[in-house]
C-alpha atoms as a PDB file:
ATOM      1  CA  MET A   1       0.067  -0.279   0.198  1.00  0.00           C
ATOM      2  CA  LYS A   2       1.680   3.141  -0.864  1.00  0.00           C
ATOM      3  CA  LYS A   3       1.831   6.459   0.881  1.00  0.00           C
ATOM      4  CA  ALA A   4       1.180   9.527  -0.852  1.00  0.00           C
ATOM      5  CA  VAL A   5       0.240  13.107  -1.034  1.00  0.00           C
ATOM      6  CA  GLN A   6      -2.183  15.294  -2.529  1.00  0.00           C
ATOM      7  CA  GLN A   7      -0.873  18.037  -4.553  1.00  0.00           C
ATOM      8  CA  ILE A   8      -3.724  20.336  -3.355  1.00  0.00           C
ATOM      9  CA  MET A   9      -2.101  21.012  -0.568  1.00  0.00           C
ATOM     10  CA  LEU A  10       1.494  21.594  -2.401  1.00  0.00           C
ATOM     11  CA  GLY A  11       0.510  25.509  -3.839  1.00  0.00           C
ATOM     12  CA  THR A  12       2.677  27.622  -1.619  1.00  0.00           C
ATOM     13  CA  VAL A  13       5.289  25.735  -2.312  1.00  0.00           C
ATOM     14  CA  THR A  14       5.338  25.299  -5.929  1.00  0.00           C
ATOM     15  CA  LYS A  15       5.978  28.445  -6.872  1.00  0.00           C
ATOM     16  CA  ASN A  16       8.663  27.680  -9.748  1.00  0.00           C
ATOM     17  CA  GLU A  17      10.414  24.459 -10.969  1.00  0.00           C
ATOM     18  CA  LYS A  18      13.275  24.885  -8.434  1.00  0.00           C
ATOM     19  CA  GLN A  19      10.881  25.294  -5.869  1.00  0.00           C
ATOM     20  CA  THR A  20       8.634  22.694  -7.257  1.00  0.00           C
ATOM     21  CA  ALA A  21      11.633  19.994  -7.095  1.00  0.00           C
ATOM     22  CA  GLU A  22      12.568  20.691  -3.419  1.00  0.00           C
ATOM     23  CA  THR A  23       9.188  20.022  -2.153  1.00  0.00           C
ATOM     24  CA  LEU A  24       8.972  17.099  -3.947  1.00  0.00           C
ATOM     25  CA  ARG A  25      12.645  15.990  -2.406  1.00  0.00           C
ATOM     26  CA  ARG A  26      11.199  16.599   0.363  1.00  0.00           C
ATOM     27  CA  ILE A  27       7.909  14.426   0.304  1.00  0.00           C
ATOM     28  CA  ARG A  28      10.006  11.431  -0.646  1.00  0.00           C
ATOM     29  CA  ALA A  29      12.901  12.039   2.494  1.00  0.00           C
ATOM     30  CA  ALA A  30      10.207  11.941   4.899  1.00  0.00           C
ATOM     31  CA  GLY A  31       8.585   8.464   3.280  1.00  0.00           C
ATOM     32  CA  TYR A  32       5.876   8.984   0.877  1.00  0.00           C
ATOM     33  CA  ASP A  33       5.555   7.068  -1.972  1.00  0.00           C
ATOM     34  CA  GLY A  34       3.948   8.953  -4.488  1.00  0.00           C
ATOM     35  CA  ILE A  35       1.983  12.042  -5.134  1.00  0.00           C
ATOM     36  CA  GLU A  36      -1.638  12.619  -6.387  1.00  0.00           C
ATOM     37  CA  LEU A  37      -1.681  15.443  -9.240  1.00  0.00           C
ATOM     38  CA  ASN A  38      -4.279  17.365 -10.156  1.00  0.00           C
ATOM     39  CA  GLY A  39      -5.327  17.885 -13.611  1.00  0.00           C
ATOM     40  CA  PHE A  40      -5.947  21.778 -12.842  1.00  0.00           C
ATOM     41  CA  MET A  41      -2.546  22.384 -11.644  1.00  0.00           C
ATOM     42  CA  VAL A  42      -0.332  20.150 -14.299  1.00  0.00           C
ATOM     43  CA  LYS A  43      -1.405  22.088 -16.848  1.00  0.00           C
ATOM     44  CA  PRO A  44      -2.718  25.672 -17.688  1.00  0.00           C
ATOM     45  CA  THR A  45      -6.234  26.485 -16.006  1.00  0.00           C
ATOM     46  CA  SER A  46      -8.687  29.322 -16.771  1.00  0.00           C
ATOM     47  CA  PHE A  47      -8.734  32.327 -14.485  1.00  0.00           C
ATOM     48  CA  LEU A  48     -11.653  30.997 -12.699  1.00  0.00           C
ATOM     49  CA  VAL A  49     -10.805  28.066 -11.820  1.00  0.00           C
ATOM     50  CA  ARG A  50      -7.444  30.054 -10.088  1.00  0.00           C
ATOM     51  CA  MET A  51      -9.985  32.031  -8.287  1.00  0.00           C
ATOM     52  CA  LEU A  52     -11.727  29.796  -6.927  1.00  0.00           C
ATOM     53  CA  THR A  53      -9.587  27.764  -5.407  1.00  0.00           C
ATOM     54  CA  LYS A  54      -7.415  30.826  -4.176  1.00  0.00           C
ATOM     55  CA  ALA A  55     -10.539  31.827  -2.202  1.00  0.00           C
ATOM     56  CA  ALA A  56     -10.828  28.465  -0.429  1.00  0.00           C
ATOM     57  CA  GLY A  57      -7.739  29.068   1.056  1.00  0.00           C
ATOM     58  CA  MET A  58      -5.847  26.110  -1.684  1.00  0.00           C
ATOM     59  CA  PRO A  59      -3.969  27.731  -4.055  1.00  0.00           C
ATOM     60  CA  VAL A  60      -3.302  26.362  -7.321  1.00  0.00           C
ATOM     61  CA  GLY A  61       0.247  27.140  -7.652  1.00  0.00           C
ATOM     62  CA  LYS A  62       2.299  28.069 -10.754  1.00  0.00           C
ATOM     63  CA  GLY A  63       2.478  24.797 -12.411  1.00  0.00           C
ATOM     64  CA  GLY A  64       0.463  24.429 -15.554  1.00  0.00           C
ATOM     65  CA  SER A  65       3.867  24.816 -17.692  1.00  0.00           C
ATOM     66  CA  TYR A  66       6.448  22.564 -15.177  1.00  0.00           C
ATOM     67  CA  ASP A  67       7.238  19.142 -16.794  1.00  0.00           C
ATOM     68  CA  TRP A  68       5.827  17.495 -13.969  1.00  0.00           C
ATOM     69  CA  ASN A  69       6.276  13.821 -15.543  1.00  0.00           C
ATOM     70  CA  ALA A  70      10.406  14.548 -14.914  1.00  0.00           C
ATOM     71  CA  LEU A  71       9.865  16.259 -11.391  1.00  0.00           C
ATOM     72  CA  VAL A  72       8.106  13.619 -10.082  1.00  0.00           C
ATOM     73  CA  LYS A  73      10.599  11.135 -11.582  1.00  0.00           C
ATOM     74  CA  GLU A  74      13.647  12.780 -10.734  1.00  0.00           C
ATOM     75  CA  ALA A  75      12.012  13.007  -6.950  1.00  0.00           C
ATOM     76  CA  GLY A  76      11.688   9.164  -6.747  1.00  0.00           C
ATOM     77  CA  LEU A  77       7.455   9.340  -6.857  1.00  0.00           C
ATOM     78  CA  CYS A  78       5.121   7.522  -8.396  1.00  0.00           C
ATOM     79  CA  VAL A  79       1.441   9.423  -9.815  1.00  0.00           C
ATOM     80  CA  THR A  80      -0.745   6.819  -7.400  1.00  0.00           C
ATOM     81  CA  SER A  81      -3.739   8.964  -9.735  1.00  0.00           C
ATOM     82  CA  ILE A  82      -5.476  11.996 -11.330  1.00  0.00           C
ATOM     83  CA  HIS A  83      -8.241  14.549 -10.311  1.00  0.00           C
ATOM     84  CA  GLU A  84      -9.909  15.654 -13.543  1.00  0.00           C
ATOM     85  CA  ASP A  85     -13.425  17.054 -13.326  1.00  0.00           C
ATOM     86  CA  LEU A  86     -16.361  15.430 -14.810  1.00  0.00           C
ATOM     87  CA  GLY A  87     -16.616  18.203 -17.527  1.00  0.00           C
ATOM     88  CA  THR A  88     -13.527  17.535 -19.082  1.00  0.00           C
ATOM     89  CA  ILE A  89     -13.374  13.720 -18.972  1.00  0.00           C
ATOM     90  CA  ARG A  90     -16.815  13.827 -20.841  1.00  0.00           C
ATOM     91  CA  ARG A  91     -15.479  16.434 -23.625  1.00  0.00           C
ATOM     92  CA  GLU A  92     -12.376  15.124 -23.781  1.00  0.00           C
ATOM     93  CA  PRO A  93     -12.191  11.073 -22.489  1.00  0.00           C
ATOM     94  CA  GLU A  94      -9.040  10.250 -25.080  1.00  0.00           C
ATOM     95  CA  THR A  95      -6.936  13.325 -23.875  1.00  0.00           C
ATOM     96  CA  VAL A  96      -7.459  12.153 -20.214  1.00  0.00           C
ATOM     97  CA  ALA A  97      -7.152   8.692 -20.561  1.00  0.00           C
ATOM     98  CA  LYS A  98      -3.350   9.251 -22.188  1.00  0.00           C
ATOM     99  CA  GLU A  99      -2.131  11.871 -19.527  1.00  0.00           C
ATOM    100  CA  ALA A 100      -2.992   9.316 -17.213  1.00  0.00           C
ATOM    101  CA  GLU A 101      -1.235   6.304 -19.147  1.00  0.00           C
ATOM    102  CA  ALA A 102       1.652   8.710 -19.248  1.00  0.00           C
ATOM    103  CA  PHE A 103       2.276   9.966 -15.605  1.00  0.00           C
ATOM    104  CA  GLY A 104       2.058   5.728 -15.251  1.00  0.00           C
ATOM    105  CA  THR A 105      -1.368   5.788 -13.243  1.00  0.00           C
ATOM    106  CA  LYS A 106      -4.603   3.690 -14.021  1.00  0.00           C
ATOM    107  CA  TYR A 107      -6.701   5.472 -11.849  1.00  0.00           C
ATOM    108  CA  VAL A 108      -9.075   9.262 -12.706  1.00  0.00           C
ATOM    109  CA  VAL A 109     -10.483  10.524  -9.869  1.00  0.00           C
ATOM    110  CA  ILE A 110     -13.574  13.207  -9.900  1.00  0.00           C
ATOM    111  CA  THR A 111     -13.549  15.205  -7.111  1.00  0.00           C
ATOM    112  CA  GLY A 112     -17.357  16.170  -6.922  1.00  0.00           C
ATOM    113  CA  MET A 113     -19.493  18.685  -8.651  1.00  0.00           C
ATOM    114  CA  TYR A 114     -19.597  22.420  -8.789  1.00  0.00           C
ATOM    115  CA  ARG A 115     -22.330  24.220  -8.089  1.00  0.00           C
ATOM    116  CA  PHE A 116     -24.340  20.389  -7.783  1.00  0.00           C
ATOM    117  CA  ASP A 117     -27.584  19.734  -5.347  1.00  0.00           C
ATOM    118  CA  TYR A 118     -26.921  16.793  -3.731  1.00  0.00           C
ATOM    119  CA  SER A 119     -30.527  16.711  -2.255  1.00  0.00           C
ATOM    120  CA  ASP A 120     -31.850  16.226  -5.635  1.00  0.00           C
ATOM    121  CA  LYS A 121     -32.852  12.338  -6.147  1.00  0.00           C
ATOM    122  CA  ALA A 122     -33.137  13.265  -9.767  1.00  0.00           C
ATOM    123  CA  ALA A 123     -29.796  15.053 -10.535  1.00  0.00           C
ATOM    124  CA  VAL A 124     -27.677  12.523  -8.588  1.00  0.00           C
ATOM    125  CA  GLN A 125     -29.609   9.845 -11.017  1.00  0.00           C
ATOM    126  CA  GLY A 126     -28.060  11.625 -13.606  1.00  0.00           C
ATOM    127  CA  LEU A 127     -24.575  11.565 -12.161  1.00  0.00           C
ATOM    128  CA  CYS A 128     -24.894   8.516 -11.599  1.00  0.00           C
ATOM    129  CA  ARG A 129     -25.480   7.063 -15.043  1.00  0.00           C
ATOM    130  CA  ASP A 130     -23.240  10.299 -16.460  1.00  0.00           C
ATOM    131  CA  LEU A 131     -20.327   8.410 -13.998  1.00  0.00           C
ATOM    132  CA  ASN A 132     -21.424   4.705 -15.567  1.00  0.00           C
ATOM    133  CA  THR A 133     -21.116   5.993 -19.142  1.00  0.00           C
ATOM    134  CA  SER A 134     -17.393   8.173 -18.542  1.00  0.00           C
ATOM    135  CA  GLY A 135     -16.235   5.168 -16.400  1.00  0.00           C
ATOM    136  CA  LYS A 136     -17.309   2.708 -19.416  1.00  0.00           C
ATOM    137  CA  ILE A 137     -15.554   4.850 -22.119  1.00  0.00           C
ATOM    138  CA  LEU A 138     -11.924   5.362 -19.792  1.00  0.00           C
ATOM    139  CA  LYS A 139     -12.491   1.330 -18.858  1.00  0.00           C
ATOM    140  CA  GLU A 140     -11.828   0.682 -22.532  1.00  0.00           C
ATOM    141  CA  ALA A 141      -8.947   2.965 -22.863  1.00  0.00           C
ATOM    142  CA  GLY A 142      -7.334   0.851 -19.577  1.00  0.00           C
ATOM    143  CA  ILE A 143      -8.316   3.352 -16.655  1.00  0.00           C
ATOM    144  CA  GLU A 144     -10.217   3.309 -13.957  1.00  0.00           C
ATOM    145  CA  LEU A 145     -12.823   6.298 -12.690  1.00  0.00           C
ATOM    146  CA  LEU A 146     -13.297   6.781  -9.041  1.00  0.00           C
ATOM    147  CA  TYR A 147     -15.259   8.919  -7.018  1.00  0.00           C
ATOM    148  CA  HIS A 148     -13.659  11.130  -4.469  1.00  0.00           C
ATOM    149  CA  ASN A 149     -16.540  12.672  -1.917  1.00  0.00           C
ATOM    150  CA  HIS A 150     -16.828  15.627   0.545  1.00  0.00           C
ATOM    151  CA  ASN A 151     -19.415  16.539   3.068  1.00  0.00           C
ATOM    152  CA  CYS A 152     -21.999  17.166   0.463  1.00  0.00           C
ATOM    153  CA  GLU A 153     -22.728  13.768  -0.405  1.00  0.00           C
ATOM    154  CA  PHE A 154     -24.269  12.958   2.640  1.00  0.00           C
ATOM    155  CA  LEU A 155     -26.972  15.516   1.758  1.00  0.00           C
ATOM    156  CA  HIS A 156     -30.308  13.149   1.782  1.00  0.00           C
ATOM    157  CA  VAL A 157     -32.112  12.804  -1.344  1.00  0.00           C
ATOM    158  CA  GLU A 158     -35.256  11.419   0.645  1.00  0.00           C
ATOM    159  CA  PRO A 159     -35.148   9.890   4.393  1.00  0.00           C
ATOM    160  CA  GLN A 160     -32.570   7.360   5.151  1.00  0.00           C
ATOM    161  CA  LYS A 161     -31.080   7.779   2.364  1.00  0.00           C
ATOM    162  CA  THR A 162     -28.390   9.987   0.975  1.00  0.00           C
ATOM    163  CA  ALA A 163     -26.715  10.845  -2.166  1.00  0.00           C
ATOM    164  CA  TYR A 164     -23.611   8.937  -1.775  1.00  0.00           C
ATOM    165  CA  ASP A 165     -26.307   5.650  -1.135  1.00  0.00           C
ATOM    166  CA  LEU A 166     -27.007   6.759  -4.506  1.00  0.00           C
ATOM    167  CA  LEU A 167     -23.596   6.564  -6.055  1.00  0.00           C
ATOM    168  CA  LEU A 168     -22.677   3.245  -4.495  1.00  0.00           C
ATOM    169  CA  SER A 169     -25.909   2.121  -5.265  1.00  0.00           C
ATOM    170  CA  GLU A 170     -26.644   3.339  -8.813  1.00  0.00           C
ATOM    171  CA  THR A 171     -22.880   2.948 -10.329  1.00  0.00           C
ATOM    172  CA  ASP A 172     -21.708  -0.210 -12.016  1.00  0.00           C
ATOM    173  CA  PRO A 173     -19.164  -1.697  -9.957  1.00  0.00           C
ATOM    174  CA  GLU A 174     -17.292  -2.824 -13.606  1.00  0.00           C
ATOM    175  CA  TYR A 175     -16.956   1.196 -14.413  1.00  0.00           C
ATOM    176  CA  VAL A 176     -16.694   3.420 -11.188  1.00  0.00           C
ATOM    177  CA  ASN A 177     -15.797   2.901  -7.828  1.00  0.00           C
ATOM    178  CA  PHE A 178     -14.411   5.175  -4.886  1.00  0.00           C
ATOM    179  CA  GLU A 179     -11.568   7.069  -3.465  1.00  0.00           C
ATOM    180  CA  LEU A 180     -12.893   7.386   0.255  1.00  0.00           C
ATOM    181  CA  ASP A 181     -12.003  10.104   2.140  1.00  0.00           C
ATOM    182  CA  SER A 182     -12.758  10.106   5.680  1.00  0.00           C
ATOM    183  CA  TYR A 183     -12.277  13.338   7.205  1.00  0.00           C
ATOM    184  CA  TRP A 184     -15.427  14.682   5.530  1.00  0.00           C
ATOM    185  CA  PRO A 185     -18.001  12.474   6.788  1.00  0.00           C
ATOM    186  CA  THR A 186     -16.656  12.489  10.133  1.00  0.00           C
ATOM    187  CA  GLU A 187     -17.243  16.209   9.238  1.00  0.00           C
ATOM    188  CA  ALA A 188     -20.869  15.340   8.382  1.00  0.00           C
ATOM    189  CA  GLY A 189     -21.422  13.178  11.327  1.00  0.00           C
ATOM    190  CA  VAL A 190     -21.405   9.842   9.437  1.00  0.00           C
ATOM    191  CA  ASP A 191     -19.480   7.070  10.631  1.00  0.00           C
ATOM    192  CA  ALA A 192     -16.791   6.748   8.793  1.00  0.00           C
ATOM    193  CA  LEU A 193     -15.868   2.947   9.217  1.00  0.00           C
ATOM    194  CA  ALA A 194     -18.846   1.767   8.434  1.00  0.00           C
ATOM    195  CA  LEU A 195     -18.912   3.726   5.007  1.00  0.00           C
ATOM    196  CA  MET A 196     -15.559   2.242   4.745  1.00  0.00           C
ATOM    197  CA  LYS A 197     -16.468  -1.331   5.114  1.00  0.00           C
ATOM    198  CA  LYS A 198     -20.302  -0.284   3.047  1.00  0.00           C
ATOM    199  CA  LEU A 199     -17.790   0.242   0.332  1.00  0.00           C
ATOM    200  CA  ASP A 200     -15.342  -2.965   0.791  1.00  0.00           C
ATOM    201  CA  THR A 201     -13.118  -3.540  -2.093  1.00  0.00           C
ATOM    202  CA  ARG A 202     -14.745  -0.865  -4.159  1.00  0.00           C
ATOM    203  CA  MET A 203     -12.210   1.564  -2.461  1.00  0.00           C
ATOM    204  CA  LYS A 204      -9.764   1.320  -4.158  1.00  0.00           C
ATOM    205  CA  LEU A 205      -7.523   4.639  -2.974  1.00  0.00           C
ATOM    206  CA  TYR A 206      -7.991   6.238   0.618  1.00  0.00           C
ATOM    207  CA  HIS A 207      -8.066   9.731   1.564  1.00  0.00           C
ATOM    208  CA  ILE A 208      -6.408   9.973   5.008  1.00  0.00           C
ATOM    209  CA  ASN A 209      -6.569  13.314   7.307  1.00  0.00           C
ATOM    210  CA  ASP A 210      -7.327  14.170  11.102  1.00  0.00           C
ATOM    211  CA  ARG A 211      -9.761  16.277  12.769  1.00  0.00           C
ATOM    212  CA  GLY A 212      -9.405  18.557  15.624  1.00  0.00           C
ATOM    213  CA  THR A 213      -8.231  21.636  17.265  1.00  0.00           C
ATOM    214  CA  ARG A 214      -5.682  23.944  17.524  1.00  0.00           C
ATOM    215  CA  LEU A 215      -5.800  27.109  19.641  1.00  0.00           C
ATOM    216  CA  LEU A 216      -4.257  30.153  17.489  1.00  0.00           C
ATOM    217  CA  LYS A 217      -5.063  32.534  19.738  1.00  0.00           C
ATOM    218  CA  PRO A 218      -6.714  33.276  23.544  1.00  0.00           C
ATOM    219  CA  ALA A 219     -10.355  31.250  22.613  1.00  0.00           C
ATOM    220  CA  MET A 220     -13.560  33.341  23.263  1.00  0.00           C
ATOM    221  CA  THR A 221     -15.587  31.234  24.651  1.00  0.00           C
ATOM    222  CA  PRO A 222     -14.828  27.675  25.509  1.00  0.00           C
ATOM    223  CA  ILE A 223     -15.368  26.513  22.034  1.00  0.00           C
ATOM    224  CA  LEU A 224     -13.142  25.989  19.845  1.00  0.00           C
ATOM    225  CA  LYS A 225     -13.191  25.250  15.696  1.00  0.00           C
ATOM    226  CA  SER A 226     -12.612  21.885  14.204  1.00  0.00           C
ATOM    227  CA  ASP A 227     -10.664  21.909  11.491  1.00  0.00           C
ATOM    228  CA  SER A 228      -7.845  19.081   9.906  1.00  0.00           C
ATOM    229  CA  MET A 229      -5.332  18.351  12.340  1.00  0.00           C
ATOM    230  CA  GLU A 230      -1.850  16.599  11.153  1.00  0.00           C
ATOM    231  CA  LEU A 231      -2.445  12.479  11.796  1.00  0.00           C
ATOM    232  CA  GLY A 232      -2.457  11.186  15.170  1.00  0.00           C
ATOM    233  CA  CYS A 233      -2.948  15.108  16.280  1.00  0.00           C
ATOM    234  CA  GLY A 234      -6.650  15.391  16.320  1.00  0.00           C
ATOM    235  CA  ASN A 235      -9.658  12.615  17.137  1.00  0.00           C
ATOM    236  CA  MET A 236     -10.288  10.464  14.444  1.00  0.00           C
ATOM    237  CA  SER A 237      -9.936   6.839  14.800  1.00  0.00           C
ATOM    238  CA  LEU A 238      -7.040   6.627  11.940  1.00  0.00           C
ATOM    239  CA  ASP A 239      -5.807   3.635  12.985  1.00  0.00           C
ATOM    240  CA  ALA A 240      -9.085   1.460  12.736  1.00  0.00           C
ATOM    241  CA  PHE A 241      -9.151   3.352   9.231  1.00  0.00           C
ATOM    242  CA  ILE A 242      -5.709   2.184   8.363  1.00  0.00           C
ATOM    243  CA  ALA A 243      -6.704  -1.204   9.333  1.00  0.00           C
ATOM    244  CA  GLN A 244      -9.939  -1.838   7.050  1.00  0.00           C
ATOM    245  CA  ALA A 245      -7.970   0.185   3.829  1.00  0.00           C
ATOM    246  CA  LYS A 246      -5.705  -3.247   4.186  1.00  0.00           C
ATOM    247  CA  ASN A 247      -8.122  -5.440   5.006  1.00  0.00           C
ATOM    248  CA  VAL A 248      -9.552  -4.255   1.337  1.00  0.00           C
ATOM    249  CA  ASN A 249      -6.044  -3.940  -0.508  1.00  0.00           C
ATOM    250  CA  VAL A 250      -6.134  -0.409  -1.116  1.00  0.00           C
ATOM    251  CA  ASP A 251      -3.570   0.843  -3.843  1.00  0.00           C
ATOM    252  CA  ALA A 252      -2.759   4.088  -1.220  1.00  0.00           C
ATOM    253  CA  VAL A 253      -2.785   6.204   1.166  1.00  0.00           C
ATOM    254  CA  ILE A 254      -2.984   9.454   0.392  1.00  0.00           C
ATOM    255  CA  LEU A 255      -2.668  12.542   2.619  1.00  0.00           C
ATOM    256  CA  GLU A 256      -4.676  15.340   1.804  1.00  0.00           C
ATOM    257  CA  SER A 257      -4.818  18.323   5.203  1.00  0.00           C
ATOM    258  CA  HIS A 258      -6.381  21.475   4.676  1.00  0.00           C
ATOM    259  CA  LYS A 259      -5.115  23.987   5.982  1.00  0.00           C
ATOM    260  CA  ASN A 260      -4.706  24.538   9.297  1.00  0.00           C
ATOM    261  CA  TRP A 261      -1.152  23.559   8.736  1.00  0.00           C
ATOM    262  CA  VAL A 262       1.115  23.099  11.818  1.00  0.00           C
ATOM    263  CA  ASP A 263       3.779  26.391  11.716  1.00  0.00           C
ATOM    264  CA  ASN A 264       2.036  27.517   9.016  1.00  0.00           C
ATOM    265  CA  SER A 265       3.538  25.231   6.328  1.00  0.00           C
ATOM    266  CA  PRO A 266       2.283  22.418   4.505  1.00  0.00           C
ATOM    267  CA  LEU A 267       5.744  20.886   4.046  1.00  0.00           C
ATOM    268  CA  ARG A 268       5.999  20.598   7.855  1.00  0.00           C
ATOM    269  CA  SER A 269       2.308  19.495   8.408  1.00  0.00           C
ATOM    270  CA  LEU A 270       3.148  16.893   5.853  1.00  0.00           C
ATOM    271  CA  GLU A 271       6.161  15.623   7.644  1.00  0.00           C
ATOM    272  CA  VAL A 272       4.640  15.177  11.093  1.00  0.00           C
ATOM    273  CA  SER A 273       1.991  13.205   9.492  1.00  0.00           C
ATOM    274  CA  ALA A 274       4.657  10.787   7.751  1.00  0.00           C
ATOM    275  CA  GLN A 275       5.610  10.204  11.122  1.00  0.00           C
ATOM    276  CA  PHE A 276       2.493   8.819  11.902  1.00  0.00           C
ATOM    277  CA  LEU A 277       2.282   6.876   8.722  1.00  0.00           C
ATOM    278  CA  ASN A 278       5.518   5.680   8.721  1.00  0.00           C
ATOM    279  CA  ALA A 279       4.603   3.961  11.856  1.00  0.00           C
ATOM    280  CA  ARG A 280       1.456   1.954  10.141  1.00  0.00           C
ATOM    281  CA  ILE A 281       2.250   0.766   6.857  1.00  0.00           C
END
């Protein structure tokens, strides 16, 4: 089971190719095997995409013109997977498949839909059909399609049934499987371990993060805001999650934390998390 880092963490430390090479070297030195790339970070992207990610606190960096294939190989890392949006896959499936093949990965991952109502049952059923169609096209090119969750998929489409339940029941395992992120169901009040067990072998990749509180300044009230944390520093049942990931032979455990980094540094944060992962994987 490989250990990897999600590229979205690295926008502030990939401002030029020299810094990017050093960042990737530090990732490898920390004990990670690979990186999960984002299509919108390894090629030129629209101003809107750059502004949206920056507004969310996760700037994409300036890597659109870098030779990521060479940079990753020089660092001794592999590419576990590539995140792409469904619109790009539907418009250019052959291009997406060739890109994945060029990076030496078999996984293309969709990370949710922009301005999409996950409480609309008909819309989610339509999404399932689109995923099945795109997954079939990619499979014919030797690429597997995975779906990555956030918290919005745990909105209910009807009593006792969430959008994620529909995604699981109405997508074809031959064409669509999953990259589970345990942080977001936990944030939504869902039992992430039960969800992992429900996915079983359909969980091909596992996104790991921890969730807890860090006191940054004197608190006005005795209530602190929860946010992402370095692995082992929060309150999630990470050992149980990792054990389940091993049980179903996921290909990679991929770290993705959301700001709130120790020392305000994504590199220092991923190095602290690596100590936790290296003791378990």
